[in-house]
Each structure stands twice: as C-alpha cells, then as structure tokens.
Protein backbone atom coordinates (compact mmCIF):
# COMPACT_ATOMS: atom_id res chain seq x y z
CA UNK A 1 0.00 0.00 0.00
CA UNK A 2 1.38 3.37 -1.03
CA UNK A 3 1.76 6.02 1.67
CA UNK A 4 0.10 9.38 1.06
CA UNK A 5 2.24 11.03 3.72
CA UNK A 6 4.07 14.23 2.80
CA UNK A 7 6.86 14.95 5.23
CA UNK A 8 10.41 16.24 5.29
CA UNK A 9 13.12 14.23 7.05
CA UNK A 10 12.63 14.68 10.78
CA UNK A 11 15.18 16.79 12.64
CA UNK A 12 16.42 14.91 15.69
CA UNK A 13 15.60 16.24 19.14
CA UNK A 14 16.78 14.90 22.51
CA UNK A 15 14.43 12.37 24.12
CA UNK A 16 14.61 13.75 27.65
CA UNK A 17 12.06 14.94 30.21
CA UNK A 18 13.08 18.55 29.47
CA UNK A 19 11.32 20.44 26.71
CA UNK A 20 13.26 20.28 23.46
CA UNK A 21 13.12 22.60 20.42
CA UNK A 22 10.18 20.71 18.94
CA UNK A 23 8.21 20.93 22.20
CA UNK A 24 8.91 24.66 22.55
CA UNK A 25 7.97 25.51 18.97
CA UNK A 26 4.86 23.35 19.18
CA UNK A 27 3.85 25.14 22.41
CA UNK A 28 4.33 28.58 20.82
CA UNK A 29 2.43 27.44 17.70
CA UNK A 30 -0.53 26.35 19.84
CA UNK A 31 -0.43 29.72 21.62
CA UNK A 32 -0.36 31.63 18.31
CA UNK A 33 -3.36 29.64 17.06
CA UNK A 34 -5.25 30.45 20.27
CA UNK A 35 -4.35 34.14 19.95
CA UNK A 36 -5.43 34.23 16.30
CA UNK A 37 -8.82 32.79 17.29
CA UNK A 38 -9.14 35.33 20.11
CA UNK A 39 -8.26 38.28 17.87
CA UNK A 40 -10.80 37.07 15.33
CA UNK A 41 -13.53 37.28 17.98
CA UNK A 42 -12.32 40.73 19.03
CA UNK A 43 -12.41 41.91 15.41
CA UNK A 44 -16.00 40.72 15.07
CA UNK A 45 -16.98 42.66 18.18
CA UNK A 46 -14.95 45.86 17.76
CA UNK A 47 -17.26 48.84 17.46
CA UNK A 48 -14.63 51.57 17.02
CA UNK A 49 -12.87 51.86 13.65
CA UNK A 50 -9.44 52.80 15.03
CA UNK A 51 -9.58 49.92 17.51
CA UNK A 52 -10.63 47.58 14.71
CA UNK A 53 -7.65 48.66 12.57
CA UNK A 54 -5.22 48.18 15.48
CA UNK A 55 -6.66 44.74 16.22
CA UNK A 56 -6.50 43.84 12.53
CA UNK A 57 -2.80 44.72 12.41
CA UNK A 58 -2.07 42.58 15.47
CA UNK A 59 -4.26 39.77 14.10
CA UNK A 60 -2.36 39.76 10.79
CA UNK A 61 1.00 39.71 12.61
CA UNK A 62 -0.18 36.85 14.81
CA UNK A 63 -1.58 34.89 11.85
CA UNK A 64 1.67 35.37 9.92
CA UNK A 65 3.72 34.19 12.91
CA UNK A 66 1.52 31.12 13.24
CA UNK A 67 2.15 30.34 9.57
CA UNK A 68 5.92 30.84 9.92
CA UNK A 69 6.02 28.49 12.91
CA UNK A 70 3.97 25.89 11.02
CA UNK A 71 6.32 26.16 8.01
CA UNK A 72 9.36 25.79 10.29
CA UNK A 73 7.92 22.67 11.88
CA UNK A 74 7.06 21.22 8.47
CA UNK A 75 10.58 21.91 7.15
CA UNK A 76 12.06 20.19 10.19
CA UNK A 77 9.85 17.14 9.61
CA UNK A 78 7.81 17.71 12.76
CA UNK A 79 4.58 18.12 10.83
CA UNK A 80 3.32 15.68 8.23
CA UNK A 81 0.53 16.11 5.73
CA UNK A 82 -1.55 13.50 3.98
CA UNK A 83 -2.10 13.85 0.26
CA UNK A 84 -5.79 13.55 -0.56
CA UNK A 85 -6.66 11.33 -3.47
CA UNK A 86 -8.25 12.93 -6.51
CA UNK A 87 -11.53 11.05 -6.17
CA UNK A 88 -12.04 12.21 -2.57
CA UNK A 89 -11.31 15.83 -3.56
CA UNK A 90 -13.85 15.58 -6.40
CA UNK A 91 -16.49 14.08 -4.07
CA UNK A 92 -15.99 16.85 -1.51
CA UNK A 93 -16.12 19.51 -4.22
CA UNK A 94 -19.36 18.04 -5.57
CA UNK A 95 -20.86 17.90 -2.07
CA UNK A 96 -20.15 21.59 -1.40
CA UNK A 97 -21.20 22.59 -4.92
CA UNK A 98 -24.55 20.96 -4.20
CA UNK A 99 -24.83 22.97 -0.98
CA UNK A 100 -24.25 26.16 -2.95
CA UNK A 101 -27.35 25.50 -5.07
CA UNK A 102 -29.43 25.96 -1.92
CA UNK A 103 -28.45 29.64 -1.59
CA UNK A 104 -29.16 32.68 -3.78
CA UNK A 105 -26.22 33.79 -5.90
CA UNK A 106 -24.74 37.16 -6.78
CA UNK A 107 -26.72 39.01 -4.12
CA UNK A 108 -30.04 38.08 -5.71
CA UNK A 109 -32.88 36.95 -3.46
CA UNK A 110 -35.57 34.50 -4.36
C-alpha cells in the first residue's frame, strides 16, 4: 500500500524529560493559534474603527507568525501532511457545490 504522507526528514531532538526545540515551537504554535482565534472574535466585536484597525494589524501579525512556525515545523519534519486522493477531492467539491445551489447567488434573493 502506497503512503500518502508528505513529510520532510525529521530533525532529531533529545528524548529527555526537558522540553526540546520541537516541544517549545509546538507550544508557541498552539499559543499563536489560540491568539489568532481570540483576535478574530475581538475583530468581530470591535465597534470603534481605530480599535478595529489596530486589532486587525495585530491579528495579521499573529496569523503570519503562526504560519511561519507551522512552516518551520514542516521543514524540520515535525509536521506531516496527507495527500488527498483525486476522487475524494472531487467528491468533496461536488458535495459543497450541491450545498451552494441551496443559496441565492450574486446578491439576488428568491
């Protein structure tokens, strides 16, 4: 059976009770994801335009940092992806295309 795993060679880390580089980066990545979610809620609830713009700037910085950390972990082989097969992608696309037929398009109402 062919593996659909996409992964770089894993960078070695010490197997000790102390936190290693992978543990630390993974911890910071989880924190950045949490912060991105929190800023998203704050953006939805901001009533003042200047506050919204400040939050948006911080949100974008946080989101970009999260992506950089993810990319670093992937490059070091600490994150693996699974390639989806073409048939499954097509089935999912068809499923969501069918959902779209239930809603009005281009701002038109029924």
